[in-house]
Amino acid sequence: MADLGKPPDKVIGLLPCSGSCNVGMLTTKAVVEAVTKDPNVNFVCALGLPLGIPGIIENAKKSEKYAALNGCEVRCASKSLEKVGIPYQVEMVLTRDLGIKKNKNLKEEEALPELRERVSQLIEFLREE
């Protein structure tokens, strides 16, 4: 039976940059883990937004709050949301915020536990906002 006294969780849109480097892959891995654990977390496709793909934009707009997870200072995830006029409430840049050096090792996962924790915290922050 549903708890009628508790409002439903906000749907949180997470947009990983998915770039072709260690920090890009880390953003994707963290989002995949979050989406797998929580049905109210929405994986937003960074590539489809600026391309104007209607279904991807429609899916993105199902979220109530957004976090742009960028691997580096290029900020592809943030720019994708900006391109279609979707405001994000949280922006993370792994190279800046976690001090991870960008490289081409796509299998690197040393920082994944810390990133996983930070993503969980930002989801909770956005739900309380």
C-alpha atoms as a PDB file:
ATOM      1  CA  MET A   1       0.000   0.000   0.000  1.00  0.00           C
ATOM      2  CA  ALA A   2       1.300   3.448  -0.923  1.00  0.00           C
ATOM      3  CA  ASP A   3       2.166   5.964   1.781  1.00  0.00           C
ATOM      4  CA  LEU A   4      -0.489   8.619   1.168  1.00  0.00           C
ATOM      5  CA  GLY A   5       1.225  11.102   3.486  1.00  0.00           C
ATOM      6  CA  LYS A   6       4.437  11.239   1.469  1.00  0.00           C
ATOM      7  CA  PRO A   7       4.550  13.161  -1.816  1.00  0.00           C
ATOM      8  CA  PRO A   8       5.984  11.244  -4.773  1.00  0.00           C
ATOM      9  CA  ASP A   9       9.674  11.688  -5.456  1.00  0.00           C
ATOM     10  CA  LYS A  10      10.588  14.338  -7.998  1.00  0.00           C
ATOM     11  CA  VAL A  11      11.883  12.990 -11.284  1.00  0.00           C
ATOM     12  CA  ILE A  12      15.530  13.978 -11.555  1.00  0.00           C
ATOM     13  CA  GLY A  13      17.126  14.231 -14.987  1.00  0.00           C
ATOM     14  CA  LEU A  14      20.805  13.329 -15.095  1.00  0.00           C
ATOM     15  CA  LEU A  15      22.736  14.259 -18.194  1.00  0.00           C
ATOM     16  CA  PRO A  16      26.195  12.685 -18.520  1.00  0.00           C
ATOM     17  CA  CYS A  17      28.562  14.091 -21.089  1.00  0.00           C
ATOM     18  CA  SER A  18      29.586  10.570 -22.194  1.00  0.00           C
ATOM     19  CA  GLY A  19      32.772  11.972 -23.710  1.00  0.00           C
ATOM     20  CA  SER A  20      35.461   9.723 -25.199  1.00  0.00           C
ATOM     21  CA  CYS A  21      37.821   9.957 -22.243  1.00  0.00           C
ATOM     22  CA  ASN A  22      38.054   8.648 -18.683  1.00  0.00           C
ATOM     23  CA  VAL A  23      35.991  11.428 -17.119  1.00  0.00           C
ATOM     24  CA  GLY A  24      33.300  11.208 -19.797  1.00  0.00           C
ATOM     25  CA  MET A  25      32.941   7.464 -19.275  1.00  0.00           C
ATOM     26  CA  LEU A  26      32.807   7.975 -15.505  1.00  0.00           C
ATOM     27  CA  THR A  27      29.812  10.323 -15.871  1.00  0.00           C
ATOM     28  CA  THR A  28      28.003   7.697 -17.935  1.00  0.00           C
ATOM     29  CA  LYS A  29      28.788   4.844 -15.528  1.00  0.00           C
ATOM     30  CA  ALA A  30      27.558   6.871 -12.555  1.00  0.00           C
ATOM     31  CA  VAL A  31      24.306   7.796 -14.313  1.00  0.00           C
ATOM     32  CA  VAL A  32      23.665   4.208 -15.422  1.00  0.00           C
ATOM     33  CA  GLU A  33      24.076   3.072 -11.810  1.00  0.00           C
ATOM     34  CA  ALA A  34      21.732   5.796 -10.516  1.00  0.00           C
ATOM     35  CA  VAL A  35      19.048   5.039 -13.120  1.00  0.00           C
ATOM     36  CA  THR A  36      19.260   1.324 -12.358  1.00  0.00           C
ATOM     37  CA  LYS A  37      18.676   1.931  -8.632  1.00  0.00           C
ATOM     38  CA  ASP A  38      15.984   4.619  -8.790  1.00  0.00           C
ATOM     39  CA  PRO A  39      12.960   4.652 -11.117  1.00  0.00           C
ATOM     40  CA  ASN A  40      12.608   8.417 -10.598  1.00  0.00           C
ATOM     41  CA  VAL A  41      15.991   9.184 -12.108  1.00  0.00           C
ATOM     42  CA  ASN A  42      15.906   9.897 -15.824  1.00  0.00           C
ATOM     43  CA  PHE A  43      18.930   9.293 -18.088  1.00  0.00           C
ATOM     44  CA  VAL A  44      18.940  12.245 -20.484  1.00  0.00           C
ATOM     45  CA  CYS A  45      20.810  11.794 -23.775  1.00  0.00           C
ATOM     46  CA  ALA A  46      23.362  14.586 -24.235  1.00  0.00           C
ATOM     47  CA  LEU A  47      23.823  14.010 -27.952  1.00  0.00           C
ATOM     48  CA  GLY A  48      20.162  13.950 -28.954  1.00  0.00           C
ATOM     49  CA  LEU A  49      19.235  17.282 -27.366  1.00  0.00           C
ATOM     50  CA  PRO A  50      21.304  19.645 -29.522  1.00  0.00           C
ATOM     51  CA  LEU A  51      20.471  17.529 -32.584  1.00  0.00           C
ATOM     52  CA  GLY A  52      16.824  18.373 -31.958  1.00  0.00           C
ATOM     53  CA  ILE A  53      15.575  14.767 -31.854  1.00  0.00           C
ATOM     54  CA  PRO A  54      11.952  15.180 -30.698  1.00  0.00           C
ATOM     55  CA  GLY A  55      11.657  11.950 -28.679  1.00  0.00           C
ATOM     56  CA  ILE A  56      14.851  12.664 -26.771  1.00  0.00           C
ATOM     57  CA  ILE A  57      13.790  16.228 -25.998  1.00  0.00           C
ATOM     58  CA  GLU A  58      10.355  14.978 -24.914  1.00  0.00           C
ATOM     59  CA  ASN A  59      11.975  12.375 -22.625  1.00  0.00           C
ATOM     60  CA  ALA A  60      14.282  15.010 -21.149  1.00  0.00           C
ATOM     61  CA  LYS A  61      11.372  17.311 -20.338  1.00  0.00           C
ATOM     62  CA  LYS A  62       9.734  14.596 -18.193  1.00  0.00           C
ATOM     63  CA  SER A  63      12.169  15.504 -15.431  1.00  0.00           C
ATOM     64  CA  GLU A  64      11.420  18.164 -12.837  1.00  0.00           C
ATOM     65  CA  LYS A  65      15.018  19.015 -11.902  1.00  0.00           C
ATOM     66  CA  TYR A  66      18.274  18.547 -13.804  1.00  0.00           C
ATOM     67  CA  ALA A  67      21.933  17.903 -13.150  1.00  0.00           C
ATOM     68  CA  ALA A  68      24.567  18.259 -15.860  1.00  0.00           C
ATOM     69  CA  LEU A  69      27.456  15.860 -15.261  1.00  0.00           C
ATOM     70  CA  ASN A  70      30.420  17.067 -17.274  1.00  0.00           C
ATOM     71  CA  GLY A  71      33.703  15.227 -17.469  1.00  0.00           C
ATOM     72  CA  CYS A  72      35.790  18.312 -18.209  1.00  0.00           C
ATOM     73  CA  GLU A  73      35.684  22.087 -18.620  1.00  0.00           C
ATOM     74  CA  VAL A  74      34.298  21.823 -22.155  1.00  0.00           C
ATOM     75  CA  ARG A  75      30.923  21.253 -20.382  1.00  0.00           C
ATOM     76  CA  CYS A  76      29.167  19.298 -23.154  1.00  0.00           C
ATOM     77  CA  ALA A  77      26.343  18.114 -20.880  1.00  0.00           C
ATOM     78  CA  SER A  78      25.571  21.647 -19.675  1.00  0.00           C
ATOM     79  CA  LYS A  79      25.717  23.058 -23.202  1.00  0.00           C
ATOM     80  CA  SER A  80      23.323  20.381 -24.471  1.00  0.00           C
ATOM     81  CA  LEU A  81      20.688  21.400 -21.929  1.00  0.00           C
ATOM     82  CA  GLU A  82      21.281  25.085 -22.634  1.00  0.00           C
ATOM     83  CA  LYS A  83      20.870  24.503 -26.386  1.00  0.00           C
ATOM     84  CA  VAL A  84      17.262  23.359 -25.933  1.00  0.00           C
ATOM     85  CA  GLY A  85      16.414  25.827 -23.163  1.00  0.00           C
ATOM     86  CA  ILE A  86      16.294  23.355 -20.281  1.00  0.00           C
ATOM     87  CA  PRO A  87      17.719  24.935 -17.122  1.00  0.00           C
ATOM     88  CA  TYR A  88      19.847  22.766 -14.853  1.00  0.00           C
ATOM     89  CA  GLN A  89      19.989  23.249 -11.125  1.00  0.00           C
ATOM     90  CA  VAL A  90      23.313  21.475 -10.538  1.00  0.00           C
ATOM     91  CA  GLU A  91      26.422  21.351 -12.673  1.00  0.00           C
ATOM     92  CA  MET A  92      29.342  19.056 -11.929  1.00  0.00           C
ATOM     93  CA  VAL A  93      32.699  19.079 -13.734  1.00  0.00           C
ATOM     94  CA  LEU A  94      34.789  16.062 -12.742  1.00  0.00           C
ATOM     95  CA  THR A  95      38.162  17.581 -13.582  1.00  0.00           C
ATOM     96  CA  ARG A  96      37.352  20.655 -11.473  1.00  0.00           C
ATOM     97  CA  ASP A  97      35.129  19.290  -8.717  1.00  0.00           C
ATOM     98  CA  LEU A  98      36.802  15.935  -8.097  1.00  0.00           C
ATOM     99  CA  GLY A  99      40.296  16.827  -9.308  1.00  0.00           C
ATOM    100  CA  ILE A 100      40.450  13.950 -11.795  1.00  0.00           C
ATOM    101  CA  LYS A 101      42.959  14.309 -14.608  1.00  0.00           C
ATOM    102  CA  LYS A 102      41.483  13.781 -18.058  1.00  0.00           C
ATOM    103  CA  ASN A 103      43.054  10.964 -20.085  1.00  0.00           C
ATOM    104  CA  LYS A 104      42.149   8.364 -22.717  1.00  0.00           C
ATOM    105  CA  ASN A 105      41.849   5.370 -20.344  1.00  0.00           C
ATOM    106  CA  LEU A 106      38.177   4.550 -20.914  1.00  0.00           C
ATOM    107  CA  LYS A 107      38.254   1.724 -18.354  1.00  0.00           C
ATOM    108  CA  GLU A 108      39.540   3.860 -15.471  1.00  0.00           C
ATOM    109  CA  GLU A 109      37.205   3.546 -12.471  1.00  0.00           C
ATOM    110  CA  GLU A 110      39.308   4.654  -9.508  1.00  0.00           C
ATOM    111  CA  ALA A 111      37.105   7.701  -8.860  1.00  0.00           C
ATOM    112  CA  LEU A 112      33.800   5.908  -9.475  1.00  0.00           C
ATOM    113  CA  PRO A 113      32.969   5.238  -5.783  1.00  0.00           C
ATOM    114  CA  GLU A 114      33.400   8.927  -4.903  1.00  0.00           C
ATOM    115  CA  LEU A 115      31.438  10.017  -7.972  1.00  0.00           C
ATOM    116  CA  ARG A 116      28.663   7.528  -7.179  1.00  0.00           C
ATOM    117  CA  GLU A 117      28.352   9.080  -3.704  1.00  0.00           C
ATOM    118  CA  ARG A 118      28.347  12.640  -5.081  1.00  0.00           C
ATOM    119  CA  VAL A 119      25.630  11.750  -7.602  1.00  0.00           C
ATOM    120  CA  SER A 120      23.489  10.232  -4.820  1.00  0.00           C
ATOM    121  CA  GLN A 121      23.928  13.417  -2.799  1.00  0.00           C
ATOM    122  CA  LEU A 122      22.970  15.681  -5.680  1.00  0.00           C
ATOM    123  CA  ILE A 123      19.851  13.596  -6.390  1.00  0.00           C
ATOM    124  CA  GLU A 124      18.761  14.034  -2.768  1.00  0.00           C
ATOM    125  CA  PHE A 125      19.614  17.747  -2.885  1.00  0.00           C
ATOM    126  CA  LEU A 126      17.476  18.224  -6.003  1.00  0.00           C
ATOM    127  CA  ARG A 127      14.563  16.320  -4.482  1.00  0.00           C
ATOM    128  CA  GLU A 128      14.610  18.552  -1.408  1.00  0.00           C
ATOM    129  CA  GLU A 129      14.940  21.766  -3.429  1.00  0.00           C
END
